Amino acid sequence: MKYTVVVDSVAAIPEFIFKSRPIKVLPISININGEVKPEIVDEKELIEYYKSGELTVHTKIKTAPPSPEQITDFILNEVAPYSDFALCQTFSKAASPIYDNFEKAASSIAKRSREVRDGLGIEQPFRMTYLNTGTGIAAQGLVAIYADMLLSRGADVQEYTDTMEKFTRVIRSYAIVRDIYYSRQRALEKGIKSVGLAPALLGKAVGLTPIIENYGDQSGPVVTKRSEEKALESLIRYAIDRVKDGLYVPIVNISYAGDLDDIYAMPLIQELKDEAKKKKIQVLFGVMKLGSSMMYGPGGFSIGLAPKNNKAKPE
């Protein structure tokens, strides 16, 4: 079965997987200080951008989700001529209209894909499914990676659909807000007034670092630490404990808006890798794309995993 897993730009997937697997990213344009730029996918280029200091609380950033028309054009031009199935997965529909835009595009894609494939002499009809992952960043990336694992092993579309719907109920995503004031400003640009100015400035002054959970179309802090270092330690310790308990899928996916050497140097990361090796679990590392890091800023950190102990949270 020729398939393509299609994700939006928020999904965090290491670059080497993109280069080796049938996974495509819906392109978006990002307006940075009035200049429109395409999404950066090269990890070295992303690291250099984060190091440049260009992304600050004063940077004016705007992104627009792909419209139904843009989704239709992308699928018809980049997917339908080469694959029989498109397995599309989106950022939480509570936070983005991308899933709804897929719904609006579906009928047009179904009609026009027949013309595209007839012109290429392909008799088999083209099919497309779309899934709201209910999450984002590293967990959303893990959903795509797991989907590719299932399909590469011969799962049919119905089996994929049933399994992925169950998987979205057990996967967990946590992210660190490095700078509350920065995150507040980005949220205001999207019309979200979740944090007042005074608490944001106070949090920045004393170094408060919230750990945010994204699950089941809900997002909010589970714990706040007095420094970024303590928040990272808490989150990685959580991952180590969940690896010891067991995971439904043997992968921990980590995304960082910066140089990955910063993460590799942490002693707890080596402990995580050692525990994962004992359990035959793979720990993946990738550089966070701008579509995600614009909300969390340089140094933003996200982790996605599917723990068998679903009740435990970072402490």
C-alpha atoms as a PDB file:
ATOM      1  CA  MET A   1       0.000   0.000   0.000  1.00  0.00           C
ATOM      2  CA  LYS A   2       1.417   3.368  -1.022  1.00  0.00           C
ATOM      3  CA  TYR A   3       0.628   5.862   1.720  1.00  0.00           C
ATOM      4  CA  THR A   4       1.688   9.270   2.968  1.00  0.00           C
ATOM      5  CA  VAL A   5       1.283  10.567   6.502  1.00  0.00           C
ATOM      6  CA  VAL A   6       0.486  14.286   6.329  1.00  0.00           C
ATOM      7  CA  VAL A   7       1.053  16.504   9.373  1.00  0.00           C
ATOM      8  CA  ASP A   8       0.838  20.227  10.053  1.00  0.00           C
ATOM      9  CA  SER A   9       3.799  22.350  11.025  1.00  0.00           C
ATOM     10  CA  VAL A  10       3.262  22.025  14.792  1.00  0.00           C
ATOM     11  CA  ALA A  11       4.102  18.301  14.793  1.00  0.00           C
ATOM     12  CA  ALA A  12       7.645  17.749  16.076  1.00  0.00           C
ATOM     13  CA  ILE A  13       9.416  14.998  14.142  1.00  0.00           C
ATOM     14  CA  PRO A  14      13.212  14.678  13.932  1.00  0.00           C
ATOM     15  CA  GLU A  15      14.612  15.705  10.563  1.00  0.00           C
ATOM     16  CA  PHE A  16      16.177  12.301   9.836  1.00  0.00           C
ATOM     17  CA  ILE A  17      12.731  10.690   9.987  1.00  0.00           C
ATOM     18  CA  PHE A  18      11.313  13.199   7.499  1.00  0.00           C
ATOM     19  CA  LYS A  19      14.136  12.373   5.129  1.00  0.00           C
ATOM     20  CA  SER A  20      13.636   8.618   5.315  1.00  0.00           C
ATOM     21  CA  ARG A  21       9.882   8.036   5.758  1.00  0.00           C
ATOM     22  CA  PRO A  22       6.706   8.869   3.745  1.00  0.00           C
ATOM     23  CA  ILE A  23       5.769  11.826   5.956  1.00  0.00           C
ATOM     24  CA  LYS A  24       4.974  15.271   4.557  1.00  0.00           C
ATOM     25  CA  VAL A  25       4.376  18.592   6.284  1.00  0.00           C
ATOM     26  CA  LEU A  26       1.693  21.019   5.179  1.00  0.00           C
ATOM     27  CA  PRO A  27       3.678  24.169   4.410  1.00  0.00           C
ATOM     28  CA  ILE A  28       2.826  27.431   6.117  1.00  0.00           C
ATOM     29  CA  SER A  29       4.167  30.935   5.740  1.00  0.00           C
ATOM     30  CA  ILE A  30       5.327  32.860   8.785  1.00  0.00           C
ATOM     31  CA  ASN A  31       5.322  36.647   8.926  1.00  0.00           C
ATOM     32  CA  ILE A  32       8.247  37.806  11.066  1.00  0.00           C
ATOM     33  CA  ASN A  33       8.467  41.568  11.567  1.00  0.00           C
ATOM     34  CA  GLY A  34       6.617  42.136   8.322  1.00  0.00           C
ATOM     35  CA  GLU A  35       8.704  39.716   6.248  1.00  0.00           C
ATOM     36  CA  VAL A  36       6.984  36.558   5.022  1.00  0.00           C
ATOM     37  CA  LYS A  37       9.149  33.463   5.278  1.00  0.00           C
ATOM     38  CA  PRO A  38       8.460  29.784   4.598  1.00  0.00           C
ATOM     39  CA  GLU A  39       8.598  27.386   7.529  1.00  0.00           C
ATOM     40  CA  ILE A  40      12.194  26.318   8.262  1.00  0.00           C
ATOM     41  CA  VAL A  41      12.583  22.531   8.377  1.00  0.00           C
ATOM     42  CA  ASP A  42      16.370  22.174   8.253  1.00  0.00           C
ATOM     43  CA  GLU A  43      17.524  21.613  11.844  1.00  0.00           C
ATOM     44  CA  LYS A  44      20.898  23.344  11.423  1.00  0.00           C
ATOM     45  CA  GLU A  45      19.161  26.418  10.029  1.00  0.00           C
ATOM     46  CA  LEU A  46      16.661  26.388  12.894  1.00  0.00           C
ATOM     47  CA  ILE A  47      19.446  26.188  15.493  1.00  0.00           C
ATOM     48  CA  GLU A  48      21.213  29.137  13.905  1.00  0.00           C
ATOM     49  CA  TYR A  49      17.980  31.122  13.958  1.00  0.00           C
ATOM     50  CA  TYR A  50      17.437  30.440  17.657  1.00  0.00           C
ATOM     51  CA  LYS A  51      21.035  31.411  18.404  1.00  0.00           C
ATOM     52  CA  SER A  52      20.695  34.645  16.434  1.00  0.00           C
ATOM     53  CA  GLY A  53      18.534  36.287  19.081  1.00  0.00           C
ATOM     54  CA  GLU A  54      15.968  37.404  16.491  1.00  0.00           C
ATOM     55  CA  LEU A  55      13.082  35.673  18.258  1.00  0.00           C
ATOM     56  CA  THR A  56      12.226  37.816  21.286  1.00  0.00           C
ATOM     57  CA  VAL A  57       9.138  39.100  23.062  1.00  0.00           C
ATOM     58  CA  HIS A  58       9.308  42.153  20.785  1.00  0.00           C
ATOM     59  CA  THR A  59       9.351  40.102  17.572  1.00  0.00           C
ATOM     60  CA  LYS A  60       6.076  40.398  15.693  1.00  0.00           C
ATOM     61  CA  ILE A  61       5.094  36.950  14.428  1.00  0.00           C
ATOM     62  CA  LYS A  62       1.978  35.891  12.599  1.00  0.00           C
ATOM     63  CA  THR A  63       1.088  32.519  11.139  1.00  0.00           C
ATOM     64  CA  ALA A  64      -2.022  31.442   9.288  1.00  0.00           C
ATOM     65  CA  PRO A  65      -3.219  27.831   9.110  1.00  0.00           C
ATOM     66  CA  PRO A  66      -3.517  26.367   5.606  1.00  0.00           C
ATOM     67  CA  SER A  67      -6.925  27.163   4.120  1.00  0.00           C
ATOM     68  CA  PRO A  68      -9.187  24.440   2.644  1.00  0.00           C
ATOM     69  CA  GLU A  69      -8.022  25.539  -0.811  1.00  0.00           C
ATOM     70  CA  GLN A  70      -4.350  25.309   0.146  1.00  0.00           C
ATOM     71  CA  ILE A  71      -4.905  21.881   1.674  1.00  0.00           C
ATOM     72  CA  THR A  72      -6.676  20.727  -1.492  1.00  0.00           C
ATOM     73  CA  ASP A  73      -3.866  21.967  -3.733  1.00  0.00           C
ATOM     74  CA  PHE A  74      -1.209  20.376  -1.527  1.00  0.00           C
ATOM     75  CA  ILE A  75      -2.885  16.959  -1.459  1.00  0.00           C
ATOM     76  CA  LEU A  76      -3.631  16.972  -5.192  1.00  0.00           C
ATOM     77  CA  ASN A  77      -0.128  18.078  -6.190  1.00  0.00           C
ATOM     78  CA  GLU A  78       2.113  16.480  -3.562  1.00  0.00           C
ATOM     79  CA  VAL A  79       0.283  13.360  -2.397  1.00  0.00           C
ATOM     80  CA  ALA A  80      -2.448  12.021  -4.709  1.00  0.00           C
ATOM     81  CA  PRO A  81      -0.126  11.456  -7.720  1.00  0.00           C
ATOM     82  CA  TYR A  82       2.237   9.309  -5.653  1.00  0.00           C
ATOM     83  CA  SER A  83       0.192   7.607  -2.919  1.00  0.00           C
ATOM     84  CA  ASP A  84      -3.073   5.693  -2.700  1.00  0.00           C
ATOM     85  CA  PHE A  85      -3.818   6.888   0.829  1.00  0.00           C
ATOM     86  CA  ALA A  86      -3.263  10.131   2.704  1.00  0.00           C
ATOM     87  CA  LEU A  87      -3.366   9.738   6.476  1.00  0.00           C
ATOM     88  CA  CYS A  88      -3.683  13.331   7.710  1.00  0.00           C
ATOM     89  CA  GLN A  89      -3.154  14.323  11.332  1.00  0.00           C
ATOM     90  CA  THR A  90      -3.659  17.747  12.864  1.00  0.00           C
ATOM     91  CA  PHE A  91      -2.882  19.868  15.875  1.00  0.00           C
ATOM     92  CA  SER A  92      -5.610  19.967  18.550  1.00  0.00           C
ATOM     93  CA  LYS A  93      -8.803  21.264  16.946  1.00  0.00           C
ATOM     94  CA  ALA A  94      -9.498  23.293  20.096  1.00  0.00           C
ATOM     95  CA  ALA A  95      -6.422  25.406  19.345  1.00  0.00           C
ATOM     96  CA  SER A  96      -6.391  25.494  15.544  1.00  0.00           C
ATOM     97  CA  PRO A  97      -8.889  25.352  12.635  1.00  0.00           C
ATOM     98  CA  ILE A  98      -6.666  23.022  10.586  1.00  0.00           C
ATOM     99  CA  TYR A  99      -8.814  19.935  11.305  1.00  0.00           C
ATOM    100  CA  ASP A 100     -11.963  21.835  10.301  1.00  0.00           C
ATOM    101  CA  ASN A 101     -10.215  22.975   7.126  1.00  0.00           C
ATOM    102  CA  PHE A 102      -9.462  19.351   6.259  1.00  0.00           C
ATOM    103  CA  GLU A 103     -13.164  18.568   6.650  1.00  0.00           C
ATOM    104  CA  LYS A 104     -14.031  21.423   4.305  1.00  0.00           C
ATOM    105  CA  ALA A 105     -11.457  20.263   1.747  1.00  0.00           C
ATOM    106  CA  ALA A 106     -12.348  16.555   1.799  1.00  0.00           C
ATOM    107  CA  SER A 107     -15.155  16.522  -0.786  1.00  0.00           C
ATOM    108  CA  SER A 108     -13.198  18.630  -3.277  1.00  0.00           C
ATOM    109  CA  ILE A 109     -10.153  16.386  -2.886  1.00  0.00           C
ATOM    110  CA  ALA A 110     -12.269  13.260  -3.424  1.00  0.00           C
ATOM    111  CA  LYS A 111     -13.683  14.630  -6.692  1.00  0.00           C
ATOM    112  CA  ARG A 112     -10.548  16.198  -8.136  1.00  0.00           C
ATOM    113  CA  SER A 113      -8.145  13.397  -7.158  1.00  0.00           C
ATOM    114  CA  ARG A 114      -9.931  11.092  -9.620  1.00  0.00           C
ATOM    115  CA  GLU A 115      -9.123  13.486 -12.449  1.00  0.00           C
ATOM    116  CA  VAL A 116      -5.501  13.759 -11.331  1.00  0.00           C
ATOM    117  CA  ARG A 117      -5.015  10.009 -11.170  1.00  0.00           C
ATOM    118  CA  ASP A 118      -6.894   9.341 -14.419  1.00  0.00           C
ATOM    119  CA  GLY A 119      -4.496  11.716 -16.133  1.00  0.00           C
ATOM    120  CA  LEU A 120      -1.592   9.658 -14.805  1.00  0.00           C
ATOM    121  CA  GLY A 121      -3.173   6.336 -15.758  1.00  0.00           C
ATOM    122  CA  ILE A 122      -3.707   5.243 -12.140  1.00  0.00           C
ATOM    123  CA  GLU A 123      -6.836   3.121 -11.813  1.00  0.00           C
ATOM    124  CA  GLN A 124      -6.915   2.707  -8.025  1.00  0.00           C
ATOM    125  CA  PRO A 125      -8.983   5.411  -6.306  1.00  0.00           C
ATOM    126  CA  PHE A 126      -7.356   7.821  -3.883  1.00  0.00           C
ATOM    127  CA  ARG A 127      -8.477   7.801  -0.246  1.00  0.00           C
ATOM    128  CA  MET A 128      -7.883  10.235   2.596  1.00  0.00           C
ATOM    129  CA  THR A 129      -8.545  10.195   6.341  1.00  0.00           C
ATOM    130  CA  TYR A 130      -7.946  13.005   8.814  1.00  0.00           C
ATOM    131  CA  LEU A 131      -7.414  12.722  12.543  1.00  0.00           C
ATOM    132  CA  ASN A 132      -7.555  15.316  15.306  1.00  0.00           C
ATOM    133  CA  THR A 133      -4.676  14.279  17.571  1.00  0.00           C
ATOM    134  CA  GLY A 134      -6.004  16.439  20.415  1.00  0.00           C
ATOM    135  CA  THR A 135      -2.425  17.397  21.241  1.00  0.00           C
ATOM    136  CA  GLY A 136       0.635  19.055  19.746  1.00  0.00           C
ATOM    137  CA  ILE A 137       4.402  19.351  19.292  1.00  0.00           C
ATOM    138  CA  ALA A 138       6.293  16.230  20.474  1.00  0.00           C
ATOM    139  CA  ALA A 139       3.177  14.148  21.176  1.00  0.00           C
ATOM    140  CA  GLN A 140       1.663  15.065  17.819  1.00  0.00           C
ATOM    141  CA  GLY A 141       4.929  14.051  16.186  1.00  0.00           C
ATOM    142  CA  LEU A 142       4.830  10.739  18.017  1.00  0.00           C
ATOM    143  CA  VAL A 143       1.315  10.087  16.676  1.00  0.00           C
ATOM    144  CA  ALA A 144       2.683  10.472  13.130  1.00  0.00           C
ATOM    145  CA  ILE A 145       5.712   8.286  13.816  1.00  0.00           C
ATOM    146  CA  TYR A 146       3.500   5.551  15.290  1.00  0.00           C
ATOM    147  CA  ALA A 147       1.123   5.789  12.329  1.00  0.00           C
ATOM    148  CA  ASP A 148       4.026   5.204   9.959  1.00  0.00           C
ATOM    149  CA  MET A 149       5.129   2.217  12.063  1.00  0.00           C
ATOM    150  CA  LEU A 150       1.667   0.652  11.816  1.00  0.00           C
ATOM    151  CA  LEU A 151       1.277   1.230   8.098  1.00  0.00           C
ATOM    152  CA  SER A 152       4.781   0.063   7.242  1.00  0.00           C
ATOM    153  CA  ARG A 153       3.965  -3.243   8.952  1.00  0.00           C
ATOM    154  CA  GLY A 154       0.931  -3.765   6.732  1.00  0.00           C
ATOM    155  CA  ALA A 155      -1.953  -2.357   8.783  1.00  0.00           C
ATOM    156  CA  ASP A 156      -4.963  -1.494   6.615  1.00  0.00           C
ATOM    157  CA  VAL A 157      -6.768   1.826   6.815  1.00  0.00           C
ATOM    158  CA  GLN A 158      -9.524   0.559   9.125  1.00  0.00           C
ATOM    159  CA  GLU A 159      -7.016  -0.951  11.537  1.00  0.00           C
ATOM    160  CA  TYR A 160      -5.020   2.279  11.418  1.00  0.00           C
ATOM    161  CA  THR A 161      -8.120   4.363  12.169  1.00  0.00           C
ATOM    162  CA  ASP A 162      -9.223   2.243  15.132  1.00  0.00           C
ATOM    163  CA  THR A 163      -5.727   2.036  16.611  1.00  0.00           C
ATOM    164  CA  MET A 164      -4.923   5.725  16.249  1.00  0.00           C
ATOM    165  CA  GLU A 165      -8.184   6.828  17.856  1.00  0.00           C
ATOM    166  CA  LYS A 166      -7.301   4.696  20.880  1.00  0.00           C
ATOM    167  CA  PHE A 167      -3.707   5.930  20.843  1.00  0.00           C
ATOM    168  CA  THR A 168      -4.734   9.597  21.077  1.00  0.00           C
ATOM    169  CA  ARG A 169      -6.424   8.743  24.390  1.00  0.00           C
ATOM    170  CA  VAL A 170      -3.234   7.444  26.016  1.00  0.00           C
ATOM    171  CA  ILE A 171      -0.580   9.743  24.578  1.00  0.00           C
ATOM    172  CA  ARG A 172       0.678  12.593  26.771  1.00  0.00           C
ATOM    173  CA  SER A 173       2.369  15.850  25.818  1.00  0.00           C
ATOM    174  CA  TYR A 174       4.188  18.242  28.145  1.00  0.00           C
ATOM    175  CA  ALA A 175       5.956  21.468  27.286  1.00  0.00           C
ATOM    176  CA  ILE A 176       7.925  24.050  29.222  1.00  0.00           C
ATOM    177  CA  VAL A 177       7.094  27.727  29.014  1.00  0.00           C
ATOM    178  CA  ARG A 178      10.534  29.226  29.470  1.00  0.00           C
ATOM    179  CA  ASP A 179       9.349  32.827  29.664  1.00  0.00           C
ATOM    180  CA  ILE A 180       5.802  33.504  30.921  1.00  0.00           C
ATOM    181  CA  TYR A 181       5.881  37.091  29.643  1.00  0.00           C
ATOM    182  CA  TYR A 182       6.980  35.974  26.166  1.00  0.00           C
ATOM    183  CA  SER A 183       4.261  33.311  26.050  1.00  0.00           C
ATOM    184  CA  ARG A 184       1.648  35.823  27.200  1.00  0.00           C
ATOM    185  CA  GLN A 185       2.558  38.205  24.382  1.00  0.00           C
ATOM    186  CA  ARG A 186       2.345  35.432  21.789  1.00  0.00           C
ATOM    187  CA  ALA A 187      -1.034  34.349  23.176  1.00  0.00           C
ATOM    188  CA  LEU A 188      -2.369  37.915  23.019  1.00  0.00           C
ATOM    189  CA  GLU A 189      -1.463  38.022  19.329  1.00  0.00           C
ATOM    190  CA  LYS A 190      -3.825  35.087  18.884  1.00  0.00           C
ATOM    191  CA  GLY A 191      -6.550  36.705  20.977  1.00  0.00           C
ATOM    192  CA  ILE A 192      -5.947  34.487  24.018  1.00  0.00           C
ATOM    193  CA  LYS A 193      -6.045  36.357  27.353  1.00  0.00           C
ATOM    194  CA  SER A 194      -5.131  33.574  29.755  1.00  0.00           C
ATOM    195  CA  VAL A 195      -2.428  35.332  31.800  1.00  0.00           C
ATOM    196  CA  GLY A 196      -2.560  38.905  33.131  1.00  0.00           C
ATOM    197  CA  LEU A 197       0.282  41.360  32.638  1.00  0.00           C
ATOM    198  CA  ALA A 198       1.192  41.651  36.329  1.00  0.00           C
ATOM    199  CA  PRO A 199       1.446  37.869  36.937  1.00  0.00           C
ATOM    200  CA  ALA A 200       3.441  37.469  33.718  1.00  0.00           C
ATOM    201  CA  LEU A 201       5.949  40.163  34.686  1.00  0.00           C
ATOM    202  CA  LEU A 202       6.228  38.795  38.214  1.00  0.00           C
ATOM    203  CA  GLY A 203       6.713  35.264  36.900  1.00  0.00           C
ATOM    204  CA  LYS A 204       9.458  36.463  34.571  1.00  0.00           C
ATOM    205  CA  ALA A 205      11.152  38.400  37.380  1.00  0.00           C
ATOM    206  CA  VAL A 206      11.333  35.442  39.758  1.00  0.00           C
ATOM    207  CA  GLY A 207      11.998  32.823  37.072  1.00  0.00           C
ATOM    208  CA  LEU A 208       8.762  30.865  37.316  1.00  0.00           C
ATOM    209  CA  THR A 209       8.579  28.114  34.677  1.00  0.00           C
ATOM    210  CA  PRO A 210       5.245  26.328  34.138  1.00  0.00           C
ATOM    211  CA  ILE A 211       4.992  22.800  32.733  1.00  0.00           C
ATOM    212  CA  ILE A 212       2.054  22.696  30.317  1.00  0.00           C
ATOM    213  CA  GLU A 213       0.043  19.570  29.543  1.00  0.00           C
ATOM    214  CA  ASN A 214      -1.608  19.229  26.110  1.00  0.00           C
ATOM    215  CA  TYR A 215      -4.053  16.340  26.039  1.00  0.00           C
ATOM    216  CA  GLY A 216      -7.547  15.630  24.776  1.00  0.00           C
ATOM    217  CA  ASP A 217      -7.991  19.108  23.271  1.00  0.00           C
ATOM    218  CA  GLN A 218      -7.186  20.660  26.646  1.00  0.00           C
ATOM    219  CA  SER A 219      -4.120  22.686  27.579  1.00  0.00           C
ATOM    220  CA  GLY A 220      -2.977  24.078  30.896  1.00  0.00           C
ATOM    221  CA  PRO A 221      -0.244  24.084  33.552  1.00  0.00           C
ATOM    222  CA  VAL A 222       0.163  21.038  35.799  1.00  0.00           C
ATOM    223  CA  VAL A 223       2.970  22.424  37.955  1.00  0.00           C
ATOM    224  CA  THR A 224       5.168  25.535  38.109  1.00  0.00           C
ATOM    225  CA  LYS A 225       8.842  25.455  39.090  1.00  0.00           C
ATOM    226  CA  ARG A 226      11.086  28.251  40.333  1.00  0.00           C
ATOM    227  CA  SER A 227      13.502  27.943  37.414  1.00  0.00           C
ATOM    228  CA  GLU A 228      13.802  26.519  33.928  1.00  0.00           C
ATOM    229  CA  GLU A 229      16.411  24.058  35.176  1.00  0.00           C
ATOM    230  CA  LYS A 230      14.066  22.661  37.837  1.00  0.00           C
ATOM    231  CA  ALA A 231      11.215  22.420  35.329  1.00  0.00           C
ATOM    232  CA  LEU A 232      13.410  20.473  32.896  1.00  0.00           C
ATOM    233  CA  GLU A 233      14.569  18.168  35.688  1.00  0.00           C
ATOM    234  CA  SER A 234      10.974  17.556  36.742  1.00  0.00           C
ATOM    235  CA  LEU A 235       9.869  16.753  33.211  1.00  0.00           C
ATOM    236  CA  ILE A 236      12.783  14.453  32.401  1.00  0.00           C
ATOM    237  CA  ARG A 237      12.404  12.679  35.747  1.00  0.00           C
ATOM    238  CA  TYR A 238       8.753  12.135  34.851  1.00  0.00           C
ATOM    239  CA  ALA A 239       9.829  10.566  31.545  1.00  0.00           C
ATOM    240  CA  ILE A 240      12.347   8.301  33.295  1.00  0.00           C
ATOM    241  CA  ASP A 241       9.667   7.063  35.711  1.00  0.00           C
ATOM    242  CA  ARG A 242       7.208   6.421  32.875  1.00  0.00           C
ATOM    243  CA  VAL A 243       9.848   4.464  30.958  1.00  0.00           C
ATOM    244  CA  LYS A 244      10.335   2.309  34.047  1.00  0.00           C
ATOM    245  CA  ASP A 245       6.554   1.785  34.311  1.00  0.00           C
ATOM    246  CA  GLY A 246       6.272   0.938  30.609  1.00  0.00           C
ATOM    247  CA  LEU A 247       5.034   2.634  27.445  1.00  0.00           C
ATOM    248  CA  TYR A 248       2.361   1.567  24.963  1.00  0.00           C
ATOM    249  CA  VAL A 249       4.724   2.492  22.130  1.00  0.00           C
ATOM    250  CA  PRO A 250       8.489   2.139  22.723  1.00  0.00           C
ATOM    251  CA  ILE A 251       9.377   5.730  21.838  1.00  0.00           C
ATOM    252  CA  VAL A 252       9.967   8.943  23.758  1.00  0.00           C
ATOM    253  CA  ASN A 253       9.892  11.959  21.454  1.00  0.00           C
ATOM    254  CA  ILE A 254      11.688  15.152  22.557  1.00  0.00           C
ATOM    255  CA  SER A 255      11.654  18.509  20.782  1.00  0.00           C
ATOM    256  CA  TYR A 256      13.808  21.506  21.735  1.00  0.00           C
ATOM    257  CA  ALA A 257      13.906  25.046  20.362  1.00  0.00           C
ATOM    258  CA  GLY A 258      17.670  25.351  20.366  1.00  0.00           C
ATOM    259  CA  ASP A 259      20.926  23.459  20.017  1.00  0.00           C
ATOM    260  CA  LEU A 260      20.354  19.828  20.946  1.00  0.00           C
ATOM    261  CA  ASP A 261      23.822  19.708  22.506  1.00  0.00           C
ATOM    262  CA  ASP A 262      22.308  21.727  25.371  1.00  0.00           C
ATOM    263  CA  ILE A 263      19.928  18.842  26.064  1.00  0.00           C
ATOM    264  CA  TYR A 264      22.446  16.066  25.507  1.00  0.00           C
ATOM    265  CA  ALA A 265      24.676  17.648  28.175  1.00  0.00           C
ATOM    266  CA  MET A 266      22.078  17.202  30.906  1.00  0.00           C
ATOM    267  CA  PRO A 267      22.950  14.307  33.276  1.00  0.00           C
ATOM    268  CA  LEU A 268      19.284  13.275  33.524  1.00  0.00           C
ATOM    269  CA  ILE A 269      19.098  12.870  29.744  1.00  0.00           C
ATOM    270  CA  GLN A 270      21.796  10.208  29.929  1.00  0.00           C
ATOM    271  CA  GLU A 271      19.845   8.508  32.709  1.00  0.00           C
ATOM    272  CA  LEU A 272      16.730   8.603  30.518  1.00  0.00           C
ATOM    273  CA  LYS A 273      18.654   7.041  27.618  1.00  0.00           C
ATOM    274  CA  ASP A 274      20.124   4.356  29.907  1.00  0.00           C
ATOM    275  CA  GLU A 275      16.707   3.397  31.304  1.00  0.00           C
ATOM    276  CA  ALA A 276      15.201   3.431  27.815  1.00  0.00           C
ATOM    277  CA  LYS A 277      17.932   1.132  26.538  1.00  0.00           C
ATOM    278  CA  LYS A 278      17.120  -1.397  29.270  1.00  0.00           C
ATOM    279  CA  LYS A 279      13.489  -1.411  28.138  1.00  0.00           C
ATOM    280  CA  LYS A 280      14.333  -1.365  24.406  1.00  0.00           C
ATOM    281  CA  ILE A 281      12.753   2.063  24.080  1.00  0.00           C
ATOM    282  CA  GLN A 282      14.003   4.620  21.568  1.00  0.00           C
ATOM    283  CA  VAL A 283      14.529   8.238  22.637  1.00  0.00           C
ATOM    284  CA  LEU A 284      14.214  10.651  19.712  1.00  0.00           C
ATOM    285  CA  PHE A 285      15.526  14.229  19.675  1.00  0.00           C
ATOM    286  CA  GLY A 286      14.606  16.956  17.194  1.00  0.00           C
ATOM    287  CA  VAL A 287      14.719  20.737  16.827  1.00  0.00           C
ATOM    288  CA  MET A 288      11.374  22.462  17.346  1.00  0.00           C
ATOM    289  CA  LYS A 289      10.001  24.267  14.293  1.00  0.00           C
ATOM    290  CA  LEU A 290       8.946  27.913  14.407  1.00  0.00           C
ATOM    291  CA  GLY A 291       5.252  27.036  14.208  1.00  0.00           C
ATOM    292  CA  SER A 292       5.586  25.608  17.720  1.00  0.00           C
ATOM    293  CA  SER A 293       8.427  27.622  19.220  1.00  0.00           C
ATOM    294  CA  MET A 294       6.768  30.949  18.479  1.00  0.00           C
ATOM    295  CA  MET A 295       4.522  30.193  21.472  1.00  0.00           C
ATOM    296  CA  TYR A 296       7.267  28.926  23.763  1.00  0.00           C
ATOM    297  CA  GLY A 297      10.277  30.912  22.579  1.00  0.00           C
ATOM    298  CA  PRO A 298      13.915  29.877  22.151  1.00  0.00           C
ATOM    299  CA  GLY A 299      14.667  27.174  24.701  1.00  0.00           C
ATOM    300  CA  GLY A 300      11.130  25.786  24.545  1.00  0.00           C
ATOM    301  CA  PHE A 301      11.036  22.071  25.358  1.00  0.00           C
ATOM    302  CA  SER A 302       8.375  19.457  24.580  1.00  0.00           C
ATOM    303  CA  ILE A 303       8.129  15.753  25.293  1.00  0.00           C
ATOM    304  CA  GLY A 304       5.638  13.201  23.954  1.00  0.00           C
ATOM    305  CA  LEU A 305       5.108   9.635  25.141  1.00  0.00           C
ATOM    306  CA  ALA A 306       2.360   7.074  25.712  1.00  0.00           C
ATOM    307  CA  PRO A 307       2.680   5.940  29.362  1.00  0.00           C
ATOM    308  CA  LYS A 308       0.899   2.907  30.755  1.00  0.00           C
ATOM    309  CA  ASN A 309       0.601   4.866  33.990  1.00  0.00           C
ATOM    310  CA  ASN A 310      -1.724   7.595  32.671  1.00  0.00           C
ATOM    311  CA  LYS A 311      -2.519   9.077  36.072  1.00  0.00           C
ATOM    312  CA  ALA A 312       1.014  10.213  36.932  1.00  0.00           C
ATOM    313  CA  LYS A 313       2.022  13.782  36.088  1.00  0.00           C
ATOM    314  CA  PRO A 314       5.234  15.807  36.430  1.00  0.00           C
ATOM    315  CA  GLU A 315       5.769  16.967  40.005  1.00  0.00           C
END
